[in-house]
Amino acid sequence: MPYYRDLREFLAVLEKSGKLLRVARPIVRETELMPFYRLQFRGLPEEERKAFLFEKVVGVDGSTFGGMMACGVYGASQEIFALGMGCRTGEVRDRWLEAMRFPISPVMTHAAPVHEEIHLGDDLERVGLRGMIPPVEEPGFSGTLRTTTQVVTKDPETGMRNVGQYSGHIHDRKSMAIGIGHTHHGFLHWQKNRERGKPLEAAVIIGATPNLTFSASSSLPYGVDEYAVAGALAGDPMELVKCKTVDLEVPAAAEIVIEGKISPDFWGPVGAFGEYPGYMYQGAGDTVPLMEVTCITHRRQPIFTPMFVGLAPSDTTVVLQNLLEATYYKFLKFDCNIPGILDVAFPEPAGVARYCVIQIKKSHPSQPWQALYCAAGYEAVTGKIIVVVDEDVNPRDPGAVIWALSYAMQPHRDVQILTGKSPGLDPSGYPPGVPRKERSFPQPQGASAILIDATRKWPYPPVGLPGKEYMERALTIWEEEKLPPLSLKEPWYGYPLGNWGAEDEELASLVVRGEFEEAGRKLARKRVKI
């Protein structure tokens, strides 16, 4: 079917699929909305989580929001994420790889729903960002109002566009601090403009279709147009429109766009906010680039799309889990020439980007280390614990990975620690009060990553479970007895791993045929006197 023309069409598909919960009662933006939405992440299995559409949002002061708020529309669950990709859950990786290989450039249009209402001049002075206030993410701890959404900037040298997923911290009616990390492409644009003594033009997009959220959230190479990859996900070029006060292009069908200029001279502080390690980030006196708002445009009765980070699981962990897995799979298998790569997992409970498990069918002992070094070097922050496992170990099953760590590796031989990484917002990387520059790369060697080759180094005995034919017969009996449905974990039957000879096979065959005495006689020939 054709891709969604706008967020509203996607919401209709979610509702038809039983994945949207409408909340009609008034919900207080500061104290009730996020706690209510986030209960499902603490109390429901992943497959039961839904997106929430809050139809009547009110402020603690009694004010009302002239639209609605939609939470979880990009990643409340794996099924919702797949719907946003326009595919089934098992097709996400192939869909993403295809989009990266064959991007579709965007096209310009003049028909722009996002320009249905335009706030400039006195109108902007009067209301400004007060009309677009996001919910408080962690009531009782949050010291800032934050958007986590797409921010568009351009390289002043090449004109190359970047659409990154960054935070916007609202200060007042006309200013917001933009939390662009120092390793991100948008920050490079700011640095280049600062060298020229010029502000960086920026546009904050709220309420885009999922394909753009996914494209902006991924770690695409510098210079790749996120709009083009988003177009490939949709199968059609994205329709863009020129901003009103800055020389940038934004999706014509977005819900809200905040235009502005990021100062080359002044930065602003932010209060505490929840971050991907699962703790509140206090900032330690940090300041981040400060944007002066020049214009706000939006659809009539716009839909605000909060996207929270905080303790996993969350919207962010679901989105980044899928994007990181697909991106690293492509990088390792194709760009780094490791054809034996079978899968890459960034399991959800670990939060974002810190724990990575690579599944490989190795043809040479060097390949696990090739994969480990390449994965560690792809990004400065991503990859703190990286493990490589054999082809029969499910990288998404914690028990299977622990099994490999316990019995397929030796710490003195199969573990290395690399330095030179950046801790990002990981609070284990530095104590409180350390200056930002030192936190970004703690002396003397930055942060570190632990690399573990948990593949088997020689032939092993068979897996200690009944053979496949016997487990399949048992499964048939189970179903005939109408016992509860099973969700079988791999491995669910035994199989040989190289260290299994003809004599072993003969004894096993005798035993299952009931000829245990014959098996005993064969064993008796090997008796020894002590």
Protein backbone atom coordinates (compact mmCIF):
# COMPACT_ATOMS: atom_id res chain seq x y z
CA MET A 1 0.00 0.00 0.00
CA PRO A 2 1.17 3.63 -0.46
CA TYR A 3 3.01 5.26 2.43
CA TYR A 4 1.33 7.69 4.82
CA ARG A 5 0.85 11.21 3.47
CA ASP A 6 1.08 12.70 6.96
CA LEU A 7 1.05 11.86 10.65
CA ARG A 8 -2.75 11.86 10.77
CA GLU A 9 -3.00 9.14 8.16
CA PHE A 10 -0.51 7.07 10.15
CA LEU A 11 -2.57 7.54 13.33
CA ALA A 12 -5.62 6.22 11.47
CA VAL A 13 -3.68 3.09 10.48
CA LEU A 14 -2.53 2.60 14.08
CA GLU A 15 -6.11 2.87 15.27
CA LYS A 16 -7.34 0.40 12.66
CA SER A 17 -4.59 -2.00 13.74
CA GLY A 18 -5.63 -1.78 17.40
CA LYS A 19 -2.40 0.00 18.30
CA LEU A 20 -3.80 3.43 19.23
CA LEU A 21 -5.47 4.32 22.53
CA ARG A 22 -7.53 7.50 22.55
CA VAL A 23 -7.70 9.35 25.88
CA ALA A 24 -10.72 11.64 25.90
CA ARG A 25 -10.59 12.83 29.51
CA PRO A 26 -8.66 16.04 30.32
CA ILE A 27 -5.01 15.25 31.10
CA VAL A 28 -2.71 17.73 32.84
CA ARG A 29 0.39 18.34 30.74
CA GLU A 30 2.75 19.00 33.67
CA THR A 31 1.73 16.26 36.12
CA GLU A 32 -0.39 13.52 34.52
CA LEU A 33 0.30 12.98 30.82
CA MET A 34 3.73 11.35 30.80
CA PRO A 35 3.25 9.34 34.03
CA PHE A 36 0.02 7.91 32.58
CA TYR A 37 1.61 7.05 29.23
CA ARG A 38 4.73 5.54 30.74
CA LEU A 39 2.90 3.11 33.02
CA GLN A 40 2.65 0.69 30.09
CA PHE A 41 6.46 0.54 29.78
CA ARG A 42 6.74 -0.56 33.40
CA GLY A 43 3.77 -2.93 33.50
CA LEU A 44 2.86 -4.39 30.11
CA PRO A 45 4.65 -6.87 27.84
CA GLU A 46 6.11 -5.24 24.74
CA GLU A 47 3.53 -6.67 22.34
CA GLU A 48 0.67 -5.07 24.31
CA ARG A 49 2.08 -1.53 24.31
CA LYS A 50 0.24 1.13 22.27
CA ALA A 51 0.49 4.69 21.06
CA PHE A 52 -1.63 7.16 23.07
CA LEU A 53 -3.59 10.06 21.56
CA PHE A 54 -4.48 12.62 24.23
CA GLU A 55 -7.45 14.56 22.85
CA LYS A 56 -7.79 17.18 25.59
CA VAL A 57 -4.54 18.44 27.11
CA VAL A 58 -4.72 21.10 29.81
CA GLY A 59 -2.09 23.02 31.74
CA VAL A 60 -1.72 22.98 35.49
CA ASP A 61 -2.78 26.65 35.31
CA GLY A 62 -6.01 25.72 33.52
CA SER A 63 -4.82 26.68 30.04
CA THR A 64 -5.70 24.45 27.08
CA PHE A 65 -3.63 23.23 24.14
CA GLY A 66 -5.23 24.00 20.79
CA GLY A 67 -4.48 20.56 19.39
CA MET A 68 -3.71 17.03 20.62
CA MET A 69 -0.66 15.11 21.82
CA ALA A 70 0.33 11.73 20.40
CA CYS A 71 2.83 9.66 22.42
CA GLY A 72 4.56 6.50 21.24
CA VAL A 73 3.64 6.85 17.58
CA TYR A 74 7.20 6.14 16.47
CA GLY A 75 8.29 3.35 18.77
CA ALA A 76 6.03 2.27 21.62
CA SER A 77 6.47 -1.31 20.38
CA GLN A 78 8.20 -3.30 17.66
CA GLU A 79 4.91 -3.65 15.77
CA ILE A 80 4.31 0.12 15.83
CA PHE A 81 7.87 0.70 14.62
CA ALA A 82 7.35 -1.75 11.74
CA LEU A 83 4.08 -0.05 10.78
CA GLY A 84 6.02 3.22 10.70
CA MET A 85 8.53 1.58 8.35
CA GLY A 86 5.67 0.40 6.16
CA CYS A 87 6.50 -3.29 6.56
CA ARG A 88 6.12 -6.34 8.83
CA THR A 89 8.27 -6.80 11.94
CA GLY A 90 10.52 -9.37 10.27
CA GLU A 91 11.18 -7.12 7.27
CA VAL A 92 12.58 -4.04 9.06
CA ARG A 93 16.26 -4.69 8.39
CA ASP A 94 15.84 -5.39 4.69
CA ARG A 95 13.60 -2.34 4.33
CA TRP A 96 16.23 -0.12 5.96
CA LEU A 97 19.11 -1.57 3.93
CA GLU A 98 17.17 -0.99 0.71
CA ALA A 99 16.47 2.63 1.68
CA MET A 100 20.15 3.33 2.40
CA ARG A 101 21.22 1.78 -0.89
CA PHE A 102 18.64 3.54 -3.08
CA PRO A 103 17.69 6.95 -1.62
CA ILE A 104 15.01 9.05 -3.34
CA SER A 105 15.68 12.78 -3.46
CA PRO A 106 12.93 15.07 -2.12
CA VAL A 107 10.88 17.46 -4.24
CA MET A 108 9.70 21.00 -3.53
CA THR A 109 6.04 21.96 -3.33
CA HIS A 110 3.98 25.06 -2.56
CA ALA A 111 1.01 23.22 -1.03
CA ALA A 112 2.00 23.13 2.63
CA PRO A 113 -0.43 22.15 5.40
CA VAL A 114 2.31 23.11 7.89
CA HIS A 115 1.80 26.72 6.76
CA GLU A 116 -1.91 26.77 7.54
CA GLU A 117 -1.10 29.05 10.48
CA ILE A 118 1.97 31.34 10.58
CA HIS A 119 3.17 33.26 13.63
CA LEU A 120 5.49 36.20 12.99
CA GLY A 121 6.20 39.62 14.47
CA ASP A 122 3.79 40.80 17.16
CA ASP A 123 1.89 37.52 17.01
CA LEU A 124 5.10 35.61 17.75
CA GLU A 125 5.96 38.03 20.57
CA ARG A 126 2.53 37.57 22.13
CA VAL A 127 2.30 33.77 22.21
CA GLY A 128 5.45 32.20 20.77
CA LEU A 129 6.49 28.88 22.23
CA ARG A 130 3.88 29.06 24.99
CA GLY A 131 1.42 27.69 22.47
CA MET A 132 3.66 24.68 21.76
CA ILE A 133 4.69 23.60 25.26
CA PRO A 134 5.56 19.87 25.49
CA PRO A 135 4.59 17.76 28.52
CA VAL A 136 6.86 17.44 31.54
CA GLU A 137 8.71 14.16 31.02
CA GLU A 138 9.65 13.23 34.61
CA PRO A 139 7.39 15.25 36.94
CA GLY A 140 9.17 15.80 40.23
CA PHE A 141 12.63 15.66 38.62
CA SER A 142 12.53 17.42 35.22
CA GLY A 143 13.86 20.95 35.36
CA THR A 144 13.26 21.66 31.68
CA LEU A 145 10.55 21.37 29.03
CA ARG A 146 11.98 19.39 26.16
CA THR A 147 11.19 18.38 22.62
CA THR A 148 13.09 15.41 21.16
CA THR A 149 12.61 15.70 17.44
CA GLN A 150 14.20 16.56 14.09
CA VAL A 151 16.37 19.65 13.64
CA VAL A 152 17.36 20.79 10.13
CA THR A 153 20.64 22.64 9.49
CA LYS A 154 23.02 23.16 6.54
CA ASP A 155 26.77 23.05 6.02
CA PRO A 156 27.73 26.67 5.13
CA GLU A 157 30.56 25.47 2.86
CA THR A 158 28.76 22.86 0.78
CA GLY A 159 25.07 23.65 1.39
CA MET A 160 24.69 19.98 2.38
CA ARG A 161 21.63 19.47 4.52
CA ASN A 162 21.45 17.51 7.78
CA VAL A 163 18.34 16.38 9.65
CA GLY A 164 19.33 15.21 13.13
CA GLN A 165 17.31 14.01 16.10
CA TYR A 166 18.12 16.49 18.90
CA SER A 167 16.55 17.91 22.02
CA GLY A 168 15.07 21.39 22.22
CA HIS A 169 14.81 22.93 25.71
CA ILE A 170 12.26 25.76 25.87
CA HIS A 171 13.45 28.84 27.78
CA ASP A 172 10.74 31.38 27.03
CA ARG A 173 8.39 32.49 24.27
CA LYS A 174 11.15 33.09 21.72
CA SER A 175 14.21 31.10 22.74
CA MET A 176 15.16 27.47 23.19
CA ALA A 177 18.43 25.66 23.84
CA ILE A 178 19.28 23.03 21.23
CA GLY A 179 21.03 19.97 22.67
CA ILE A 180 23.29 19.05 19.77
CA GLY A 181 26.04 16.68 20.89
CA HIS A 182 29.61 17.65 20.01
CA THR A 183 30.03 14.51 17.88
CA HIS A 184 26.90 15.17 15.79
CA HIS A 185 26.79 16.63 12.31
CA GLY A 186 24.62 19.58 13.33
CA PHE A 187 27.31 20.69 15.76
CA LEU A 188 29.86 20.70 12.93
CA HIS A 189 27.54 23.06 11.05
CA TRP A 190 27.40 25.35 14.10
CA GLN A 191 31.21 25.36 14.39
CA LYS A 192 31.65 26.30 10.73
CA ASN A 193 29.18 29.18 11.08
CA ARG A 194 30.83 30.36 14.28
CA GLU A 195 34.18 30.57 12.49
CA ARG A 196 32.45 32.93 10.06
CA GLY A 197 30.84 34.92 12.88
CA LYS A 198 27.36 33.98 11.69
CA PRO A 199 24.38 32.33 13.38
CA LEU A 200 23.32 28.86 12.26
CA GLU A 201 19.86 28.75 10.74
CA ALA A 202 17.77 25.89 12.06
CA ALA A 203 14.25 24.47 11.84
CA VAL A 204 12.71 22.19 14.47
CA ILE A 205 10.20 19.73 12.99
CA ILE A 206 7.41 18.28 15.17
CA GLY A 207 4.88 15.71 13.98
CA ALA A 208 6.58 14.32 10.88
CA THR A 209 5.78 10.97 9.37
CA PRO A 210 7.73 8.06 10.95
CA ASN A 211 10.11 7.61 8.00
CA LEU A 212 11.75 10.98 8.72
CA THR A 213 12.00 10.31 12.46
CA PHE A 214 13.77 7.04 11.70
CA SER A 215 16.10 8.55 9.11
CA ALA A 216 17.05 11.45 11.42
CA SER A 217 17.61 9.12 14.37
CA SER A 218 20.10 6.90 12.54
CA SER A 219 23.82 7.40 12.17
CA LEU A 220 23.96 8.03 8.45
CA PRO A 221 27.33 9.09 6.99
CA TYR A 222 28.06 12.81 6.80
CA GLY A 223 26.62 14.29 3.64
CA VAL A 224 23.85 11.72 3.17
CA ASP A 225 20.50 13.51 2.91
CA GLU A 226 18.13 12.14 5.56
CA TYR A 227 15.19 13.37 3.48
CA ALA A 228 16.33 11.12 0.61
CA VAL A 229 16.58 8.03 2.83
CA ALA A 230 13.17 8.86 4.31
CA GLY A 231 11.81 9.09 0.77
CA ALA A 232 13.20 5.66 -0.02
CA LEU A 233 11.45 4.23 3.05
CA ALA A 234 8.18 5.68 1.75
CA GLY A 235 8.81 4.66 -1.85
CA ASP A 236 8.14 8.24 -2.97
CA PRO A 237 10.05 11.53 -2.66
CA MET A 238 9.33 13.60 0.42
CA GLU A 239 7.51 16.84 -0.35
CA LEU A 240 9.34 19.83 1.15
CA VAL A 241 8.50 23.49 1.47
CA LYS A 242 10.72 26.50 2.10
CA CYS A 243 10.69 27.97 5.58
CA LYS A 244 9.37 31.51 6.03
CA THR A 245 12.36 33.15 7.76
CA VAL A 246 15.36 30.83 7.23
CA ASP A 247 16.88 29.26 4.11
CA LEU A 248 15.88 25.70 4.95
CA GLU A 249 13.40 23.10 3.72
CA VAL A 250 10.94 21.22 5.91
CA PRO A 251 8.24 18.57 5.29
CA ALA A 252 5.15 20.23 3.85
CA ALA A 253 2.86 17.91 5.83
CA ALA A 254 4.56 18.26 9.24
CA GLU A 255 2.38 19.29 12.16
CA ILE A 256 4.62 22.07 13.57
CA VAL A 257 7.84 23.82 12.50
CA ILE A 258 9.83 26.19 14.74
CA GLU A 259 12.24 28.32 12.72
CA GLY A 260 15.18 30.18 14.24
CA LYS A 261 18.83 31.13 14.33
CA ILE A 262 21.37 29.55 16.68
CA SER A 263 23.72 32.15 18.13
CA PRO A 264 27.46 31.89 17.43
CA ASP A 265 28.18 33.69 20.71
CA PHE A 266 25.67 32.73 23.39
CA TRP A 267 24.77 29.38 24.87
CA GLY A 268 22.06 28.61 27.39
CA PRO A 269 21.81 26.25 30.37
CA VAL A 270 19.27 23.44 30.76
CA GLY A 271 17.64 21.91 33.82
CA ALA A 272 17.68 18.20 34.68
CA PHE A 273 16.12 15.80 32.17
CA GLY A 274 15.90 12.04 31.69
CA GLU A 275 18.45 10.49 29.36
CA TYR A 276 19.21 7.14 27.73
CA PRO A 277 21.43 5.70 30.53
CA GLY A 278 18.27 5.61 32.64
CA TYR A 279 19.16 8.46 34.99
CA MET A 280 18.36 12.15 35.15
CA TYR A 281 21.01 14.24 33.43
CA GLN A 282 21.78 17.23 35.61
CA GLY A 283 24.02 19.10 33.21
CA ALA A 284 26.65 20.04 35.80
CA GLY A 285 26.40 23.68 34.75
CA ASP A 286 26.47 22.82 31.05
CA THR A 287 25.35 25.25 28.41
CA VAL A 288 24.24 24.33 24.90
CA PRO A 289 23.65 26.32 21.69
CA LEU A 290 20.84 28.86 22.04
CA MET A 291 18.28 29.42 19.29
CA GLU A 292 16.27 32.62 18.88
CA VAL A 293 12.90 31.73 17.36
CA THR A 294 12.00 33.75 14.25
CA CYS A 295 8.77 32.03 13.20
CA ILE A 296 6.37 29.24 14.15
CA THR A 297 4.16 27.57 11.56
CA HIS A 298 1.70 24.73 12.11
CA ARG A 299 -1.41 22.97 10.92
CA ARG A 300 -4.79 23.87 12.33
CA GLN A 301 -5.25 22.02 15.63
CA PRO A 302 -1.74 20.58 15.45
CA ILE A 303 -0.72 17.24 16.92
CA PHE A 304 2.34 17.47 19.18
CA THR A 305 4.48 14.30 19.27
CA PRO A 306 6.50 14.00 22.49
CA MET A 307 9.21 11.36 22.34
CA PHE A 308 10.67 10.46 25.70
CA VAL A 309 14.06 8.97 26.46
CA GLY A 310 14.62 8.10 30.15
CA LEU A 311 14.88 4.62 31.63
CA ALA A 312 14.54 1.80 29.08
CA PRO A 313 12.30 0.61 27.60
CA SER A 314 11.09 3.77 25.92
CA ASP A 315 10.19 5.21 22.53
CA THR A 316 13.85 5.99 21.94
CA THR A 317 15.16 2.52 22.77
CA VAL A 318 12.72 0.84 20.37
CA VAL A 319 13.55 3.25 17.53
CA LEU A 320 17.32 3.22 18.00
CA GLN A 321 17.44 -0.52 18.62
CA ASN A 322 16.03 -1.21 15.17
CA LEU A 323 18.06 1.48 13.39
CA LEU A 324 21.36 0.60 15.05
CA GLU A 325 20.89 -3.09 14.31
CA ALA A 326 20.22 -2.49 10.63
CA THR A 327 22.96 0.14 10.25
CA TYR A 328 25.66 -1.92 11.99
CA TYR A 329 24.64 -5.05 10.10
CA LYS A 330 25.17 -3.25 6.79
CA PHE A 331 28.43 -1.67 7.98
CA LEU A 332 29.98 -4.92 9.24
CA LYS A 333 28.77 -7.30 6.54
CA PHE A 334 29.18 -5.14 3.45
CA ASP A 335 31.33 -2.09 4.19
CA CYS A 336 33.84 -4.00 6.36
CA ASN A 337 33.78 -7.11 4.14
CA ILE A 338 32.82 -9.67 6.81
CA PRO A 339 30.42 -11.92 4.86
CA GLY A 340 29.90 -14.25 7.83
CA ILE A 341 27.90 -11.63 9.77
CA LEU A 342 24.43 -13.09 10.39
CA ASP A 343 22.85 -10.63 12.81
CA VAL A 344 23.55 -7.63 15.04
CA ALA A 345 21.53 -7.00 18.21
CA PHE A 346 21.32 -4.00 20.53
CA PRO A 347 19.04 -5.55 23.17
CA GLU A 348 16.41 -3.18 24.61
CA PRO A 349 16.97 -3.64 28.37
CA ALA A 350 20.46 -2.14 28.08
CA GLY A 351 19.09 1.19 26.91
CA VAL A 352 20.61 2.86 23.89
CA ALA A 353 23.78 1.87 22.04
CA ARG A 354 25.87 0.50 24.90
CA TYR A 355 25.50 -3.29 24.62
CA CYS A 356 25.94 -4.96 21.23
CA VAL A 357 25.92 -8.66 20.33
CA ILE A 358 27.14 -9.76 16.89
CA GLN A 359 26.24 -13.20 15.51
CA ILE A 360 28.76 -14.63 13.04
CA LYS A 361 29.43 -17.78 11.03
CA LYS A 362 33.18 -17.52 11.07
CA SER A 363 35.41 -19.07 8.44
CA HIS A 364 38.64 -17.87 10.07
CA PRO A 365 39.65 -17.21 13.71
CA SER A 366 40.43 -13.56 12.91
CA GLN A 367 36.89 -12.67 11.86
CA PRO A 368 35.39 -12.20 15.35
CA TRP A 369 38.12 -9.65 16.12
CA GLN A 370 37.65 -7.93 12.78
CA ALA A 371 33.97 -7.51 13.67
CA LEU A 372 34.77 -6.31 17.21
CA TYR A 373 37.29 -3.68 16.13
CA CYS A 374 35.08 -2.39 13.31
CA ALA A 375 32.00 -2.15 15.53
CA ALA A 376 33.95 -0.32 18.24
CA GLY A 377 35.25 2.21 15.73
CA TYR A 378 32.03 3.10 13.92
CA GLU A 379 31.02 5.80 16.41
CA ALA A 380 32.76 7.52 19.31
CA VAL A 381 29.93 6.86 21.77
CA THR A 382 28.19 3.68 20.58
CA GLY A 383 29.43 0.32 21.78
CA LYS A 384 30.66 -0.02 25.35
CA ILE A 385 30.22 -3.81 25.65
CA ILE A 386 30.54 -5.68 22.35
CA VAL A 387 30.26 -9.46 22.15
CA VAL A 388 30.60 -11.83 19.19
CA VAL A 389 28.80 -15.19 19.36
CA ASP A 390 28.54 -18.25 17.13
CA GLU A 391 25.82 -18.84 14.54
CA ASP A 392 23.77 -21.07 16.85
CA VAL A 393 23.61 -18.50 19.69
CA ASN A 394 20.60 -16.16 19.57
CA PRO A 395 22.05 -12.65 20.07
CA ARG A 396 18.67 -11.39 21.37
CA ASP A 397 18.33 -14.03 24.07
CA PRO A 398 20.18 -12.92 27.24
CA GLY A 399 20.35 -16.51 28.49
CA ALA A 400 21.95 -17.72 25.26
CA VAL A 401 24.54 -14.93 25.30
CA ILE A 402 25.38 -15.63 28.96
CA TRP A 403 25.78 -19.31 28.01
CA ALA A 404 28.33 -18.29 25.35
CA LEU A 405 30.12 -15.93 27.76
CA SER A 406 30.28 -18.65 30.39
CA TYR A 407 31.55 -21.55 28.29
CA ALA A 408 32.92 -20.29 24.94
CA MET A 409 35.50 -17.77 26.13
CA GLN A 410 38.33 -17.29 28.60
CA PRO A 411 38.77 -13.74 29.96
CA HIS A 412 42.59 -13.74 29.78
CA ARG A 413 42.52 -14.84 26.13
CA ASP A 414 39.30 -13.60 24.58
CA VAL A 415 38.74 -10.15 26.12
CA GLN A 416 40.31 -6.82 25.16
CA ILE A 417 39.69 -3.30 26.43
CA LEU A 418 39.98 -0.39 24.01
CA THR A 419 40.32 3.25 25.03
CA GLY A 420 39.73 6.41 23.04
CA LYS A 421 35.93 6.32 23.17
CA SER A 422 33.63 9.09 24.38
CA PRO A 423 31.32 8.34 27.34
CA GLY A 424 28.57 10.60 26.03
CA LEU A 425 26.02 10.92 28.84
CA ASP A 426 27.16 7.74 30.63
CA PRO A 427 27.45 8.79 34.32
CA SER A 428 30.02 6.05 35.02
CA GLY A 429 32.53 7.92 32.84
CA TYR A 430 33.11 10.84 35.23
CA PRO A 431 32.15 12.02 38.72
CA PRO A 432 29.74 14.94 39.27
CA GLY A 433 31.09 18.44 38.73
CA VAL A 434 33.63 17.58 36.02
CA PRO A 435 33.78 20.26 33.27
CA ARG A 436 32.02 19.40 30.01
CA LYS A 437 35.19 19.26 27.93
CA GLU A 438 36.76 16.70 30.26
CA ARG A 439 33.53 14.70 30.39
CA SER A 440 33.48 14.48 26.61
CA PHE A 441 36.91 12.78 26.59
CA PRO A 442 38.14 11.97 30.13
CA GLN A 443 41.89 12.10 30.55
CA PRO A 444 44.19 10.43 29.84
CA GLN A 445 42.60 8.17 27.21
CA GLY A 446 38.89 8.91 27.04
CA ALA A 447 36.27 6.28 27.79
CA SER A 448 36.62 2.60 26.93
CA ALA A 449 34.95 -0.42 25.39
CA ILE A 450 35.23 -4.09 26.30
CA LEU A 451 35.46 -6.48 23.34
CA ILE A 452 34.66 -10.16 23.88
CA ASP A 453 35.13 -13.02 21.45
CA ALA A 454 32.58 -15.51 22.83
CA THR A 455 32.79 -17.88 19.88
CA ARG A 456 34.00 -21.45 20.32
CA LYS A 457 37.67 -21.85 19.47
CA TRP A 458 37.62 -25.62 18.72
CA PRO A 459 35.13 -28.50 18.29
CA TYR A 460 32.71 -28.94 21.21
CA PRO A 461 30.55 -31.84 22.37
CA PRO A 462 26.90 -31.78 21.27
CA VAL A 463 24.45 -29.41 22.95
CA GLY A 464 23.01 -31.15 26.00
CA LEU A 465 19.42 -31.61 24.82
CA PRO A 466 17.58 -34.50 23.11
CA GLY A 467 18.16 -34.73 19.37
CA LYS A 468 15.89 -32.92 16.91
CA GLU A 469 13.76 -35.92 15.85
CA TYR A 470 12.96 -36.78 19.48
CA MET A 471 12.07 -33.23 20.44
CA GLU A 472 9.86 -32.92 17.34
CA ARG A 473 8.02 -36.13 18.34
CA ALA A 474 7.61 -34.75 21.87
CA LEU A 475 6.19 -31.54 20.40
CA THR A 476 3.61 -33.53 18.45
CA ILE A 477 2.52 -35.33 21.63
CA TRP A 478 2.35 -32.01 23.48
CA GLU A 479 0.00 -30.58 20.86
CA GLU A 480 -2.12 -33.75 20.74
CA GLU A 481 -2.60 -33.45 24.49
CA LYS A 482 -3.80 -29.85 23.98
CA LEU A 483 -1.30 -28.48 26.49
CA PRO A 484 -0.59 -24.69 26.66
CA PRO A 485 1.04 -23.19 23.53
CA LEU A 486 4.83 -23.16 23.65
CA SER A 487 7.22 -20.33 22.81
CA LEU A 488 10.34 -22.40 22.25
CA LYS A 489 13.72 -20.84 22.97
CA GLU A 490 16.71 -21.68 20.83
CA PRO A 491 18.28 -24.12 21.12
CA TRP A 492 15.31 -26.39 21.83
CA TYR A 493 16.98 -29.56 20.59
CA GLY A 494 20.54 -30.91 20.73
CA TYR A 495 22.97 -30.90 17.82
CA PRO A 496 26.64 -31.85 17.30
CA LEU A 497 29.39 -29.23 17.41
CA GLY A 498 32.29 -31.16 15.93
CA ASN A 499 33.53 -33.24 18.84
CA TRP A 500 31.35 -36.31 18.22
CA GLY A 501 32.78 -39.55 16.82
CA ALA A 502 31.47 -42.76 15.30
CA GLU A 503 31.75 -44.60 18.61
CA ASP A 504 29.73 -41.92 20.38
CA GLU A 505 27.08 -42.17 17.67
CA GLU A 506 26.97 -45.98 17.93
CA LEU A 507 26.45 -45.96 21.70
CA ALA A 508 23.72 -43.32 21.45
CA SER A 509 21.93 -45.38 18.78
CA LEU A 510 22.07 -48.53 20.91
CA VAL A 511 20.62 -46.72 23.93
CA VAL A 512 17.62 -45.26 22.09
CA ARG A 513 16.88 -48.70 20.58
CA GLY A 514 16.69 -50.16 24.07
CA GLU A 515 19.92 -52.14 23.65
CA PHE A 516 21.58 -50.63 26.70
CA GLU A 517 23.22 -53.94 27.65
CA GLU A 518 25.04 -54.08 24.31
CA ALA A 519 26.15 -50.49 24.91
CA GLY A 520 27.32 -51.56 28.37
CA ARG A 521 29.33 -54.46 26.94
CA LYS A 522 31.12 -52.09 24.58
CA LEU A 523 31.93 -49.77 27.44
CA ALA A 524 33.08 -52.69 29.60
CA ARG A 525 35.89 -53.42 27.15
CA LYS A 526 37.49 -50.18 28.29
CA ARG A 527 37.48 -50.97 31.99
CA VAL A 528 40.79 -50.37 33.77
CA LYS A 529 42.16 -51.56 37.06
CA ILE A 530 43.07 -48.76 39.51
